[in-house]
Amino acid sequence: MNKFKSFIIALAGLFVCSCGNKQIAFPENCLTFDTPSGKALKVACVFHGSLAFGYDGKVIQVDPVTQMGEMKIDYSAFGKADAIFITHSHPDHLCPPAIDTLSSEKTLLYGNAESVAALGRGCVLANGDSGELAGGISYLVVPAYNTTAGREVFHPKGNGNGYIYDFDGFRVYVAGDTEPIGEMSEFGNIDLAFLPVNQPYTMTVSQCVEAAELIRPKTLIPYHYSDTDLSCLSESLKGIEVIIPQFTCFPPCSETSRRR
């Protein structure tokens, strides 16, 4: 059975893990999960909607952003990414400077049509697309959109992407900006899910519970949550492990608030 292996709460910093022939820098407060292949999956909740995954010598960045308000992230601490995925073109998800810092000539860049058009480069992914990366990693593009009347303007159906990554049988769902949608019941087995909780743009806490019940992941990590009170999530979801992330802070950084 896939299970959560360890969660280290620490002051932000870096450790270097040797994966294959490559040295990958990840923060000390990252999450580590066991995969069916016996390899470790490193998961960094960087900030807001920005995530990083390290697996078998490969680094995947999702929606990297260098600055939000007073919060600044130095992405050079991660080194170059093997692949970067963008969910949609809002500035808290699409950040050209972060992408430039993380990119080498070998970095694969993926995004929805608006993001790729704004960047002037990258591969367009639409809902329903799928593909494979090196090292036993595959991805599936799933819908992400608002359903509540009056919110459709924030994230219209058919525009943004969510992503399901398969790391040798360990499946991770990164929702992007969405509310509970019927498609979630068709995702199949999900080991780890990232669901956005940020009113009024994504989900309320009760909607997060609704979405989690549709998906039934083994572990849920709410993200994108700003000042939303998430204290009731664990009590509301029976049989699902809930982790409130510590966001990572690489220098230079002036944001100090963290939650567990």
Protein backbone atom coordinates (compact mmCIF):
# COMPACT_ATOMS: atom_id res chain seq x y z
CA MET A 1 0.00 0.00 0.00
CA ASN A 2 1.35 3.42 -0.93
CA LYS A 3 1.71 5.56 2.13
CA PHE A 4 2.98 8.87 3.37
CA LYS A 5 6.50 8.28 4.51
CA SER A 6 7.72 11.39 6.27
CA PHE A 7 7.00 15.04 6.78
CA ILE A 8 9.84 17.10 8.22
CA ILE A 9 8.88 20.41 9.78
CA ALA A 10 11.93 22.65 9.69
CA LEU A 11 13.08 26.13 8.99
CA ALA A 12 13.34 26.62 5.28
CA GLY A 13 16.60 25.44 3.83
CA LEU A 14 17.93 22.96 1.33
CA PHE A 15 19.18 19.44 1.32
CA VAL A 16 20.72 17.65 -1.63
CA CYS A 17 19.57 14.16 -2.50
CA SER A 18 21.39 12.00 -4.98
CA CYS A 19 18.91 10.58 -7.49
CA GLY A 20 20.38 8.61 -10.34
CA ASN A 21 23.26 10.59 -11.79
CA LYS A 22 21.91 13.97 -10.78
CA GLN A 23 22.03 16.11 -7.66
CA ILE A 24 18.63 17.63 -6.83
CA ALA A 25 18.24 20.39 -4.27
CA PHE A 26 14.97 20.26 -2.33
CA PRO A 27 13.87 22.08 0.82
CA GLU A 28 14.24 20.48 4.22
CA ASN A 29 10.51 20.74 4.87
CA CYS A 30 9.53 18.81 1.76
CA LEU A 31 7.30 15.76 1.87
CA THR A 32 8.56 12.30 0.97
CA PHE A 33 6.31 9.52 -0.32
CA ASP A 34 7.04 5.90 -1.17
CA THR A 35 6.08 4.77 -4.67
CA PRO A 36 5.27 1.18 -5.74
CA SER A 37 8.67 0.96 -7.43
CA GLY A 38 10.37 1.61 -4.08
CA LYS A 39 11.69 4.99 -5.17
CA ALA A 40 11.08 8.17 -3.19
CA LEU A 41 8.94 11.02 -4.47
CA LYS A 42 9.94 14.41 -3.06
CA VAL A 43 7.17 17.02 -2.91
CA ALA A 44 7.81 20.69 -2.15
CA CYS A 45 4.90 23.04 -1.45
CA VAL A 46 6.75 26.16 -2.53
CA PHE A 47 4.06 28.81 -2.08
CA HIS A 48 0.41 29.43 -2.95
CA GLY A 49 -0.12 27.40 -6.17
CA SER A 50 3.54 26.60 -6.82
CA LEU A 51 4.70 22.98 -6.37
CA ALA A 52 7.82 20.97 -7.16
CA PHE A 53 8.31 17.22 -7.53
CA GLY A 54 11.58 15.32 -7.49
CA TYR A 55 11.62 11.72 -8.67
CA ASP A 56 14.40 9.44 -9.84
CA GLY A 57 16.67 12.28 -10.92
CA LYS A 58 13.88 14.30 -12.54
CA VAL A 59 12.44 17.62 -11.34
CA ILE A 60 8.96 18.80 -12.31
CA GLN A 61 7.84 22.34 -11.45
CA VAL A 62 4.17 23.32 -11.48
CA ASP A 63 3.11 26.97 -11.71
CA PRO A 64 6.40 28.44 -10.42
CA VAL A 65 6.06 32.09 -9.36
CA THR A 66 8.92 34.24 -8.07
CA GLN A 67 6.93 36.83 -6.13
CA MET A 68 3.49 37.42 -4.62
CA GLY A 69 3.21 40.55 -2.53
CA GLU A 70 6.16 40.56 -0.15
CA MET A 71 6.91 36.87 -0.71
CA LYS A 72 9.91 36.20 -2.95
CA ILE A 73 11.25 32.86 -4.11
CA ASP A 74 14.73 32.25 -5.51
CA TYR A 75 14.16 29.38 -7.90
CA SER A 76 17.85 29.07 -8.68
CA ALA A 77 18.04 27.02 -5.47
CA PHE A 78 16.27 24.16 -7.27
CA GLY A 79 18.52 24.10 -10.29
CA LYS A 80 17.07 23.48 -13.74
CA ALA A 81 13.77 21.66 -14.17
CA ASP A 82 13.27 18.73 -16.49
CA ALA A 83 9.67 19.81 -17.09
CA ILE A 84 7.52 22.81 -16.18
CA PHE A 85 3.72 22.64 -16.24
CA ILE A 86 1.47 25.72 -16.18
CA THR A 87 -2.21 25.31 -15.30
CA HIS A 88 -3.43 28.67 -16.64
CA SER A 89 -2.35 32.22 -17.41
CA HIS A 90 -3.27 34.11 -14.23
CA PRO A 91 -0.18 35.87 -12.81
CA ASP A 92 -0.20 33.83 -9.60
CA HIS A 93 0.37 30.74 -11.80
CA LEU A 94 2.24 32.04 -14.85
CA CYS A 95 5.53 33.83 -14.18
CA PRO A 96 8.03 34.22 -17.05
CA PRO A 97 10.99 35.11 -14.75
CA ALA A 98 10.51 31.91 -12.73
CA ILE A 99 10.24 29.86 -15.91
CA ASP A 100 13.38 31.47 -17.31
CA THR A 101 15.32 30.72 -14.11
CA LEU A 102 14.26 27.08 -14.11
CA SER A 103 14.73 26.45 -17.83
CA SER A 104 17.63 25.03 -19.76
CA GLU A 105 17.67 24.09 -23.43
CA LYS A 106 16.50 20.62 -22.36
CA THR A 107 13.59 21.75 -20.17
CA LEU A 108 10.15 20.74 -21.45
CA LEU A 109 7.51 23.46 -21.04
CA TYR A 110 3.79 22.68 -21.06
CA GLY A 111 0.72 24.82 -20.51
CA ASN A 112 -2.80 25.62 -21.60
CA ALA A 113 -3.24 27.55 -24.84
CA GLU A 114 -3.39 31.00 -23.22
CA SER A 115 -0.22 30.41 -21.21
CA VAL A 116 1.78 29.18 -24.18
CA ALA A 117 0.56 32.13 -26.26
CA ALA A 118 1.55 34.58 -23.52
CA LEU A 119 5.01 33.04 -23.21
CA GLY A 120 5.58 32.66 -26.92
CA ARG A 121 6.94 29.17 -26.41
CA GLY A 122 6.02 25.77 -24.99
CA CYS A 123 3.74 22.89 -25.87
CA VAL A 124 -0.02 23.41 -25.66
CA LEU A 125 -1.90 20.86 -23.56
CA ALA A 126 -5.69 20.67 -23.59
CA ASN A 127 -8.10 18.78 -21.35
CA GLY A 128 -7.86 15.08 -22.17
CA ASP A 129 -4.27 15.15 -23.45
CA SER A 130 -1.73 12.74 -22.02
CA GLY A 131 1.93 11.96 -22.42
CA GLU A 132 5.08 10.47 -20.94
CA LEU A 133 8.25 11.94 -19.52
CA ALA A 134 11.49 10.08 -19.03
CA GLY A 135 11.99 8.04 -15.88
CA GLY A 136 8.64 6.28 -15.55
CA ILE A 137 6.60 9.51 -15.25
CA SER A 138 3.42 10.13 -17.21
CA TYR A 139 0.78 12.85 -17.13
CA LEU A 140 -2.91 13.30 -17.91
CA VAL A 141 -4.55 16.70 -18.43
CA VAL A 142 -7.91 17.11 -16.70
CA PRO A 143 -10.45 19.97 -16.59
CA ALA A 144 -10.26 22.85 -14.11
CA TYR A 145 -13.09 25.38 -13.99
CA ASN A 146 -15.60 27.26 -11.87
CA THR A 147 -19.21 26.09 -11.58
CA THR A 148 -20.79 28.51 -9.08
CA ALA A 149 -23.00 31.14 -10.73
CA GLY A 150 -21.05 34.36 -11.08
CA ARG A 151 -17.63 32.70 -10.72
CA GLU A 152 -17.40 31.29 -14.24
CA VAL A 153 -15.58 34.42 -15.35
CA PHE A 154 -12.61 33.54 -13.12
CA HIS A 155 -11.92 30.11 -14.64
CA PRO A 156 -14.19 29.23 -17.57
CA LYS A 157 -14.67 25.62 -18.60
CA GLY A 158 -12.26 24.40 -21.27
CA ASN A 159 -9.56 26.98 -20.57
CA GLY A 160 -7.45 25.90 -17.60
CA ASN A 161 -5.77 22.58 -16.85
CA GLY A 162 -5.41 20.30 -13.91
CA TYR A 163 -2.76 17.56 -14.07
CA ILE A 164 -2.59 13.97 -12.88
CA TYR A 165 0.99 12.71 -12.69
CA ASP A 166 1.83 9.03 -12.45
CA PHE A 167 5.18 8.31 -10.81
CA ASP A 168 5.59 4.58 -11.47
CA GLY A 169 2.11 3.89 -10.10
CA PHE A 170 1.91 6.66 -7.50
CA ARG A 171 -0.71 9.08 -8.83
CA VAL A 172 -0.71 12.78 -7.90
CA TYR A 173 -3.54 15.16 -8.79
CA VAL A 174 -2.73 18.87 -9.01
CA ALA A 175 -6.07 20.60 -9.45
CA GLY A 176 -5.06 24.06 -10.59
CA ASP A 177 -7.90 26.55 -10.07
CA THR A 178 -11.20 24.72 -9.98
CA GLU A 179 -14.33 23.98 -8.00
CA PRO A 180 -15.79 20.49 -7.50
CA ILE A 181 -16.64 19.12 -10.94
CA GLY A 182 -18.24 15.89 -12.09
CA GLU A 183 -15.10 14.80 -13.92
CA MET A 184 -13.39 14.25 -10.55
CA SER A 185 -15.36 11.06 -10.00
CA GLU A 186 -13.69 9.58 -13.09
CA PHE A 187 -10.07 10.14 -12.07
CA GLY A 188 -9.54 6.65 -10.66
CA ASN A 189 -7.10 5.92 -7.87
CA ILE A 190 -5.38 9.05 -6.55
CA ASP A 191 -2.66 8.72 -3.92
CA LEU A 192 -2.09 12.44 -3.34
CA ALA A 193 -4.36 15.36 -4.25
CA PHE A 194 -3.72 19.09 -4.18
CA LEU A 195 -7.00 21.04 -3.99
CA PRO A 196 -7.24 24.87 -4.05
CA VAL A 197 -9.16 26.56 -1.23
CA ASN A 198 -9.37 30.28 -1.97
CA GLN A 199 -12.72 32.04 -1.94
CA PRO A 200 -14.24 33.27 -4.20
CA TYR A 201 -11.87 32.18 -6.97
CA THR A 202 -11.66 28.44 -6.30
CA MET A 203 -13.21 26.36 -3.50
CA THR A 204 -14.76 27.09 -0.16
CA VAL A 205 -13.79 24.68 2.61
CA SER A 206 -17.07 22.81 2.19
CA GLN A 207 -16.42 22.54 -1.56
CA CYS A 208 -12.96 21.16 -0.83
CA VAL A 209 -14.60 18.47 1.29
CA GLU A 210 -17.04 17.77 -1.55
CA ALA A 211 -14.22 17.47 -4.08
CA ALA A 212 -12.19 15.22 -1.79
CA GLU A 213 -15.20 12.92 -1.37
CA LEU A 214 -15.49 12.68 -5.15
CA ILE A 215 -11.80 11.87 -5.58
CA ARG A 216 -11.13 9.93 -2.34
CA PRO A 217 -7.34 10.42 -2.38
CA LYS A 218 -5.26 8.66 0.22
CA THR A 219 -3.73 12.03 1.16
CA LEU A 220 -5.11 15.53 0.65
CA ILE A 221 -3.03 18.70 0.70
CA PRO A 222 -5.06 21.91 0.43
CA TYR A 223 -3.11 24.67 -1.31
CA HIS A 224 -3.67 28.13 -2.81
CA TYR A 225 -5.53 28.88 0.44
CA SER A 226 -4.32 32.33 1.52
CA ASP A 227 -6.03 33.15 4.86
CA THR A 228 -8.75 30.49 4.66
CA ASP A 229 -9.26 28.60 7.94
CA LEU A 230 -8.64 24.92 7.17
CA SER A 231 -8.82 23.61 10.75
CA CYS A 232 -12.00 21.59 10.16
CA LEU A 233 -10.82 19.66 7.11
CA SER A 234 -9.40 16.66 8.97
CA GLU A 235 -12.58 16.21 11.03
CA SER A 236 -14.76 16.51 7.94
CA LEU A 237 -12.89 13.89 5.91
CA LYS A 238 -12.83 10.41 7.38
CA GLY A 239 -10.32 7.96 5.96
CA ILE A 240 -8.34 10.65 4.12
CA GLU A 241 -5.07 11.93 5.53
CA VAL A 242 -5.05 15.73 5.48
CA ILE A 243 -1.76 17.64 5.54
CA ILE A 244 -1.72 21.42 5.87
CA PRO A 245 1.56 22.33 4.18
CA GLN A 246 4.44 24.37 5.39
CA PHE A 247 5.31 26.59 2.48
CA THR A 248 8.95 26.68 1.51
CA CYS A 249 10.88 29.92 1.53
CA PHE A 250 14.10 30.27 -0.42
CA PRO A 251 16.20 33.45 -0.07
CA PRO A 252 15.56 36.21 -0.76
CA CYS A 253 12.31 36.03 1.14
CA SER A 254 10.44 38.40 3.40
CA GLU A 255 7.40 36.25 4.18
CA THR A 256 7.54 34.46 7.52
CA SER A 257 4.01 33.15 8.19
CA ARG A 258 3.69 29.37 8.08
CA ARG A 259 0.95 26.96 9.06
CA ARG A 260 0.91 23.27 9.89
